[in-house]
Amino acid sequence: MFLPKLREVKEALSSLFSAPYTTRFPKEAFEPAEQFRGFPKYHEDYCVGCGACAQVCPPAAITMTDDVEHKTRRLTVNYASCIHCGQCEEKCMTEQGIQLSTQYSLSGTDLEAEDMFEHVDKELLLCELCGEVIAARDHLLWLKDRLGAKAYAHPNLLLETQKAFADLPRADAKARIRREDQFKQVCPRCRHKTVVADEF
């Protein structure tokens, strides 16, 4: 009967003279481990604006908005809805476009405050025939680098390569699709129509 009590006394004394297991937060800032899953942060130099992070986000905390008038795509993380699952980082095409940080503390009463969101803006490429969105420009440049010499087989990627050496004026849309439209920045649907019109 006395043995359990002696064990408890021993544990109490050993814990009295040992270091604490917990931190002194909030008096002292907590330093998370390197593997800690905090809020996701965009890295603009590596993000290509593909939108894969928005597609795989379980709580739909990441949204992708295309502004056709200003030719911009905005990816936004809503920290109030983020569950720190890490799907966005895991499925990122470039593996560095969005990464989980060690930032975890976020408090406030205004859910629309600027510090509740993380943004990244990318330039959009629009079809020169119908005006529909093709992709983010950085996405095409990333594909071009990955494909190497094979990229010259696709007119859109070839045009992006030419833009590195000279300014290419935007072509005016014509009343009907013509053969020269194959060498414009066009969406897959218009490219299909162009090829079919040229063949038949």
C-alpha atoms as a PDB file:
ATOM      1  CA  MET A   1       0.000   0.000   0.000  1.00  0.00           C
ATOM      2  CA  PHE A   2       2.901   2.342   0.731  1.00  0.00           C
ATOM      3  CA  LEU A   3       4.790   1.539  -2.483  1.00  0.00           C
ATOM      4  CA  PRO A   4       2.513   3.558  -4.815  1.00  0.00           C
ATOM      5  CA  LYS A   5       2.793   6.560  -2.457  1.00  0.00           C
ATOM      6  CA  LEU A   6       6.578   6.335  -2.414  1.00  0.00           C
ATOM      7  CA  ARG A   7       6.615   6.271  -6.203  1.00  0.00           C
ATOM      8  CA  GLU A   8       4.499   9.430  -6.331  1.00  0.00           C
ATOM      9  CA  VAL A   9       6.795  11.178  -3.859  1.00  0.00           C
ATOM     10  CA  LYS A  10       9.809  10.196  -5.960  1.00  0.00           C
ATOM     11  CA  GLU A  11       8.162  11.574  -9.150  1.00  0.00           C
ATOM     12  CA  ALA A  12       7.232  14.813  -7.399  1.00  0.00           C
ATOM     13  CA  LEU A  13      10.773  15.358  -6.113  1.00  0.00           C
ATOM     14  CA  SER A  14      12.390  14.527  -9.453  1.00  0.00           C
ATOM     15  CA  SER A  15      10.082  16.932 -11.304  1.00  0.00           C
ATOM     16  CA  LEU A  16      10.758  19.644  -8.719  1.00  0.00           C
ATOM     17  CA  PHE A  17      14.476  19.668  -9.525  1.00  0.00           C
ATOM     18  CA  SER A  18      14.226  19.054 -13.303  1.00  0.00           C
ATOM     19  CA  ALA A  19      13.704  21.493 -16.185  1.00  0.00           C
ATOM     20  CA  PRO A  20      10.105  22.315 -17.153  1.00  0.00           C
ATOM     21  CA  TYR A  21       8.533  20.387 -20.004  1.00  0.00           C
ATOM     22  CA  THR A  22       6.437  23.324 -21.206  1.00  0.00           C
ATOM     23  CA  THR A  23       7.388  26.758 -22.564  1.00  0.00           C
ATOM     24  CA  ARG A  24       6.740  30.102 -20.880  1.00  0.00           C
ATOM     25  CA  PHE A  25       4.389  31.260 -23.656  1.00  0.00           C
ATOM     26  CA  PRO A  26       3.084  33.989 -23.922  1.00  0.00           C
ATOM     27  CA  LYS A  27       5.679  35.581 -21.615  1.00  0.00           C
ATOM     28  CA  GLU A  28       8.399  34.190 -23.885  1.00  0.00           C
ATOM     29  CA  ALA A  29       7.879  33.603 -27.616  1.00  0.00           C
ATOM     30  CA  PHE A  30       7.586  29.957 -28.615  1.00  0.00           C
ATOM     31  CA  GLU A  31      10.108  28.830 -31.248  1.00  0.00           C
ATOM     32  CA  PRO A  32       8.567  25.975 -33.277  1.00  0.00           C
ATOM     33  CA  ALA A  33      10.624  23.143 -34.705  1.00  0.00           C
ATOM     34  CA  GLU A  34      11.733  23.384 -38.331  1.00  0.00           C
ATOM     35  CA  GLN A  35       9.166  20.724 -39.337  1.00  0.00           C
ATOM     36  CA  PHE A  36       6.297  22.652 -37.696  1.00  0.00           C
ATOM     37  CA  ARG A  37       3.261  23.111 -39.959  1.00  0.00           C
ATOM     38  CA  GLY A  38       2.264  26.746 -39.700  1.00  0.00           C
ATOM     39  CA  PHE A  39       0.579  29.114 -42.124  1.00  0.00           C
ATOM     40  CA  PRO A  40       1.413  28.692 -45.834  1.00  0.00           C
ATOM     41  CA  LYS A  41       3.413  31.460 -47.492  1.00  0.00           C
ATOM     42  CA  TYR A  42       3.791  32.149 -51.216  1.00  0.00           C
ATOM     43  CA  HIS A  43       7.247  32.583 -52.723  1.00  0.00           C
ATOM     44  CA  GLU A  44       6.628  34.795 -55.738  1.00  0.00           C
ATOM     45  CA  ASP A  45       9.867  33.868 -57.512  1.00  0.00           C
ATOM     46  CA  TYR A  46       8.904  30.171 -57.575  1.00  0.00           C
ATOM     47  CA  CYS A  47       5.093  30.355 -57.803  1.00  0.00           C
ATOM     48  CA  VAL A  48       3.917  30.009 -61.424  1.00  0.00           C
ATOM     49  CA  GLY A  49       0.246  30.768 -60.776  1.00  0.00           C
ATOM     50  CA  CYS A  50      -0.992  27.349 -61.907  1.00  0.00           C
ATOM     51  CA  GLY A  51      -3.670  27.154 -59.200  1.00  0.00           C
ATOM     52  CA  ALA A  52      -2.877  23.585 -58.092  1.00  0.00           C
ATOM     53  CA  CYS A  53      -2.817  24.747 -54.464  1.00  0.00           C
ATOM     54  CA  ALA A  54      -6.360  26.097 -54.774  1.00  0.00           C
ATOM     55  CA  GLN A  55      -7.584  22.844 -56.352  1.00  0.00           C
ATOM     56  CA  VAL A  56      -6.285  20.571 -53.580  1.00  0.00           C
ATOM     57  CA  CYS A  57      -7.095  22.747 -50.533  1.00  0.00           C
ATOM     58  CA  PRO A  58      -9.629  20.703 -48.443  1.00  0.00           C
ATOM     59  CA  PRO A  59     -11.312  23.660 -46.646  1.00  0.00           C
ATOM     60  CA  ALA A  60     -11.169  25.858 -49.795  1.00  0.00           C
ATOM     61  CA  ALA A  61      -8.984  28.342 -47.921  1.00  0.00           C
ATOM     62  CA  ILE A  62      -7.082  29.105 -51.143  1.00  0.00           C
ATOM     63  CA  THR A  63      -8.929  30.880 -53.936  1.00  0.00           C
ATOM     64  CA  MET A  64      -7.880  31.747 -57.479  1.00  0.00           C
ATOM     65  CA  THR A  65      -9.376  34.853 -59.096  1.00  0.00           C
ATOM     66  CA  ASP A  66      -8.776  35.897 -62.712  1.00  0.00           C
ATOM     67  CA  ASP A  67      -9.134  39.570 -63.617  1.00  0.00           C
ATOM     68  CA  VAL A  68      -9.389  39.479 -67.419  1.00  0.00           C
ATOM     69  CA  GLU A  69      -9.621  43.269 -67.731  1.00  0.00           C
ATOM     70  CA  HIS A  70      -6.275  43.849 -65.984  1.00  0.00           C
ATOM     71  CA  LYS A  71      -4.762  40.509 -67.115  1.00  0.00           C
ATOM     72  CA  THR A  72      -3.908  39.373 -63.594  1.00  0.00           C
ATOM     73  CA  ARG A  73      -4.474  36.211 -61.594  1.00  0.00           C
ATOM     74  CA  ARG A  74      -4.581  36.469 -57.803  1.00  0.00           C
ATOM     75  CA  LEU A  75      -4.074  33.477 -55.517  1.00  0.00           C
ATOM     76  CA  THR A  76      -5.238  34.130 -51.957  1.00  0.00           C
ATOM     77  CA  VAL A  77      -4.838  32.114 -48.751  1.00  0.00           C
ATOM     78  CA  ASN A  78      -7.441  32.815 -46.068  1.00  0.00           C
ATOM     79  CA  TYR A  79      -5.681  32.067 -42.784  1.00  0.00           C
ATOM     80  CA  ALA A  80      -8.992  32.043 -40.900  1.00  0.00           C
ATOM     81  CA  SER A  81     -10.010  28.932 -42.882  1.00  0.00           C
ATOM     82  CA  CYS A  82      -6.587  27.244 -43.230  1.00  0.00           C
ATOM     83  CA  ILE A  83      -6.226  23.915 -41.375  1.00  0.00           C
ATOM     84  CA  HIS A  84      -2.427  23.613 -41.865  1.00  0.00           C
ATOM     85  CA  CYS A  85      -2.785  20.271 -43.663  1.00  0.00           C
ATOM     86  CA  GLY A  86       0.133  20.908 -46.032  1.00  0.00           C
ATOM     87  CA  GLN A  87      -1.662  19.730 -49.200  1.00  0.00           C
ATOM     88  CA  CYS A  88      -0.804  22.983 -50.993  1.00  0.00           C
ATOM     89  CA  GLU A  89       2.917  22.530 -50.347  1.00  0.00           C
ATOM     90  CA  GLU A  90       2.841  18.831 -51.234  1.00  0.00           C
ATOM     91  CA  LYS A  91       1.036  19.336 -54.581  1.00  0.00           C
ATOM     92  CA  CYS A  92       2.909  22.471 -55.694  1.00  0.00           C
ATOM     93  CA  MET A  93       4.296  21.951 -59.223  1.00  0.00           C
ATOM     94  CA  THR A  94       7.536  23.790 -58.549  1.00  0.00           C
ATOM     95  CA  GLU A  95       7.792  22.379 -54.986  1.00  0.00           C
ATOM     96  CA  GLN A  96       8.711  25.873 -53.735  1.00  0.00           C
ATOM     97  CA  GLY A  97       5.862  28.119 -54.848  1.00  0.00           C
ATOM     98  CA  ILE A  98       3.991  27.786 -51.553  1.00  0.00           C
ATOM     99  CA  GLN A  99       5.519  26.447 -48.356  1.00  0.00           C
ATOM    100  CA  LEU A 100       4.358  26.075 -44.789  1.00  0.00           C
ATOM    101  CA  SER A 101       6.035  28.529 -42.437  1.00  0.00           C
ATOM    102  CA  THR A 102       6.588  28.293 -38.688  1.00  0.00           C
ATOM    103  CA  GLN A 103       4.158  31.161 -38.098  1.00  0.00           C
ATOM    104  CA  TYR A 104       1.184  29.850 -36.146  1.00  0.00           C
ATOM    105  CA  SER A 105      -0.143  32.621 -33.922  1.00  0.00           C
ATOM    106  CA  LEU A 106      -2.960  34.671 -35.414  1.00  0.00           C
ATOM    107  CA  SER A 107      -5.631  36.464 -33.440  1.00  0.00           C
ATOM    108  CA  GLY A 108      -8.100  39.207 -34.194  1.00  0.00           C
ATOM    109  CA  THR A 109     -11.744  40.126 -34.348  1.00  0.00           C
ATOM    110  CA  ASP A 110     -11.774  41.321 -37.951  1.00  0.00           C
ATOM    111  CA  LEU A 111     -11.747  38.344 -40.328  1.00  0.00           C
ATOM    112  CA  GLU A 112     -11.354  40.717 -43.298  1.00  0.00           C
ATOM    113  CA  ALA A 113      -8.146  42.303 -41.966  1.00  0.00           C
ATOM    114  CA  GLU A 114      -5.160  42.288 -44.329  1.00  0.00           C
ATOM    115  CA  ASP A 115      -3.010  40.127 -42.031  1.00  0.00           C
ATOM    116  CA  MET A 116      -5.607  37.336 -42.293  1.00  0.00           C
ATOM    117  CA  PHE A 117      -4.692  36.812 -45.971  1.00  0.00           C
ATOM    118  CA  GLU A 118      -1.672  35.966 -48.106  1.00  0.00           C
ATOM    119  CA  HIS A 119      -1.660  37.024 -51.781  1.00  0.00           C
ATOM    120  CA  VAL A 120       0.377  36.497 -54.907  1.00  0.00           C
ATOM    121  CA  ASP A 121      -0.405  38.132 -58.278  1.00  0.00           C
ATOM    122  CA  LYS A 122       0.570  36.747 -61.671  1.00  0.00           C
ATOM    123  CA  GLU A 123       0.275  38.074 -65.232  1.00  0.00           C
ATOM    124  CA  LEU A 124      -2.346  36.332 -67.365  1.00  0.00           C
ATOM    125  CA  LEU A 125      -2.102  35.435 -71.041  1.00  0.00           C
ATOM    126  CA  LEU A 126      -5.343  35.808 -72.986  1.00  0.00           C
ATOM    127  CA  CYS A 127      -6.346  34.239 -76.292  1.00  0.00           C
ATOM    128  CA  GLU A 128      -5.866  36.708 -79.145  1.00  0.00           C
ATOM    129  CA  LEU A 129      -8.950  35.369 -80.925  1.00  0.00           C
ATOM    130  CA  CYS A 130     -11.636  34.885 -78.269  1.00  0.00           C
ATOM    131  CA  GLY A 131     -10.134  36.630 -75.218  1.00  0.00           C
ATOM    132  CA  GLU A 132     -10.357  33.590 -72.923  1.00  0.00           C
ATOM    133  CA  VAL A 133      -7.693  32.863 -70.306  1.00  0.00           C
ATOM    134  CA  ILE A 134      -4.862  30.601 -71.509  1.00  0.00           C
ATOM    135  CA  ALA A 135      -2.651  30.450 -68.405  1.00  0.00           C
ATOM    136  CA  ALA A 136      -0.426  32.547 -66.200  1.00  0.00           C
ATOM    137  CA  ARG A 137       2.637  33.742 -68.109  1.00  0.00           C
ATOM    138  CA  ASP A 138       5.036  32.339 -65.489  1.00  0.00           C
ATOM    139  CA  HIS A 139       3.343  28.945 -65.919  1.00  0.00           C
ATOM    140  CA  LEU A 140       4.154  28.898 -69.653  1.00  0.00           C
ATOM    141  CA  LEU A 141       7.728  30.020 -68.996  1.00  0.00           C
ATOM    142  CA  TRP A 142       8.144  27.228 -66.430  1.00  0.00           C
ATOM    143  CA  LEU A 143       6.824  24.675 -68.937  1.00  0.00           C
ATOM    144  CA  LYS A 144       9.167  26.035 -71.610  1.00  0.00           C
ATOM    145  CA  ASP A 145      12.176  25.592 -69.323  1.00  0.00           C
ATOM    146  CA  ARG A 146      11.112  22.071 -68.368  1.00  0.00           C
ATOM    147  CA  LEU A 147      10.555  20.969 -71.979  1.00  0.00           C
ATOM    148  CA  GLY A 148      13.779  22.455 -73.304  1.00  0.00           C
ATOM    149  CA  ALA A 149      14.064  22.198 -77.113  1.00  0.00           C
ATOM    150  CA  LYS A 150      10.713  20.365 -77.304  1.00  0.00           C
ATOM    151  CA  ALA A 151       8.991  23.632 -76.337  1.00  0.00           C
ATOM    152  CA  TYR A 152       9.554  24.966 -79.870  1.00  0.00           C
ATOM    153  CA  ALA A 153       6.941  22.519 -81.148  1.00  0.00           C
ATOM    154  CA  HIS A 154       4.125  24.500 -79.475  1.00  0.00           C
ATOM    155  CA  PRO A 155       3.324  27.944 -80.913  1.00  0.00           C
ATOM    156  CA  ASN A 156       2.409  29.500 -77.533  1.00  0.00           C
ATOM    157  CA  LEU A 157       5.726  28.447 -76.008  1.00  0.00           C
ATOM    158  CA  LEU A 158       7.596  29.515 -79.143  1.00  0.00           C
ATOM    159  CA  LEU A 159       6.020  32.981 -78.945  1.00  0.00           C
ATOM    160  CA  GLU A 160       7.083  33.299 -75.300  1.00  0.00           C
ATOM    161  CA  THR A 161      10.653  32.502 -76.373  1.00  0.00           C
ATOM    162  CA  GLN A 162      10.486  35.168 -79.101  1.00  0.00           C
ATOM    163  CA  LYS A 163       9.296  37.761 -76.570  1.00  0.00           C
ATOM    164  CA  ALA A 164      12.619  37.386 -74.746  1.00  0.00           C
ATOM    165  CA  PHE A 165      14.371  38.829 -77.822  1.00  0.00           C
ATOM    166  CA  ALA A 166      11.846  41.257 -79.330  1.00  0.00           C
ATOM    167  CA  ASP A 167       8.479  42.839 -78.629  1.00  0.00           C
ATOM    168  CA  LEU A 168       5.680  41.072 -80.456  1.00  0.00           C
ATOM    169  CA  PRO A 169       2.660  43.294 -81.112  1.00  0.00           C
ATOM    170  CA  ARG A 170      -0.718  41.811 -80.289  1.00  0.00           C
ATOM    171  CA  ALA A 171      -2.523  40.758 -83.453  1.00  0.00           C
ATOM    172  CA  ASP A 172      -6.025  42.033 -84.192  1.00  0.00           C
ATOM    173  CA  ALA A 173      -8.854  39.531 -84.330  1.00  0.00           C
ATOM    174  CA  LYS A 174     -10.292  39.051 -87.804  1.00  0.00           C
ATOM    175  CA  ALA A 175     -13.815  38.245 -88.963  1.00  0.00           C
ATOM    176  CA  ARG A 176     -12.841  34.657 -89.640  1.00  0.00           C
ATOM    177  CA  ILE A 177     -10.059  32.327 -88.566  1.00  0.00           C
ATOM    178  CA  ARG A 178      -7.131  32.311 -90.979  1.00  0.00           C
ATOM    179  CA  ARG A 179      -3.989  30.199 -91.437  1.00  0.00           C
ATOM    180  CA  GLU A 180      -1.731  32.845 -89.816  1.00  0.00           C
ATOM    181  CA  ASP A 181      -3.782  32.531 -86.623  1.00  0.00           C
ATOM    182  CA  GLN A 182      -1.793  29.380 -85.865  1.00  0.00           C
ATOM    183  CA  PHE A 183       1.072  31.676 -84.909  1.00  0.00           C
ATOM    184  CA  LYS A 184      -0.815  33.718 -82.367  1.00  0.00           C
ATOM    185  CA  GLN A 185      -1.217  33.352 -78.621  1.00  0.00           C
ATOM    186  CA  VAL A 186      -4.475  31.374 -78.685  1.00  0.00           C
ATOM    187  CA  CYS A 187      -6.383  29.012 -76.395  1.00  0.00           C
ATOM    188  CA  PRO A 188      -6.703  25.261 -77.176  1.00  0.00           C
ATOM    189  CA  ARG A 189     -10.263  25.658 -78.542  1.00  0.00           C
ATOM    190  CA  CYS A 190      -9.292  28.390 -81.011  1.00  0.00           C
ATOM    191  CA  ARG A 191      -6.142  26.486 -82.002  1.00  0.00           C
ATOM    192  CA  HIS A 192      -8.307  23.459 -82.805  1.00  0.00           C
ATOM    193  CA  LYS A 193     -10.629  25.619 -84.912  1.00  0.00           C
ATOM    194  CA  THR A 194      -7.634  27.124 -86.717  1.00  0.00           C
ATOM    195  CA  VAL A 195      -6.158  23.716 -87.593  1.00  0.00           C
ATOM    196  CA  VAL A 196      -9.537  22.375 -88.754  1.00  0.00           C
ATOM    197  CA  ALA A 197     -10.204  25.511 -90.863  1.00  0.00           C
ATOM    198  CA  ASP A 198      -6.752  25.221 -92.436  1.00  0.00           C
ATOM    199  CA  GLU A 199      -7.184  21.524 -93.249  1.00  0.00           C
ATOM    200  CA  PHE A 200     -10.705  21.695 -94.642  1.00  0.00           C
END
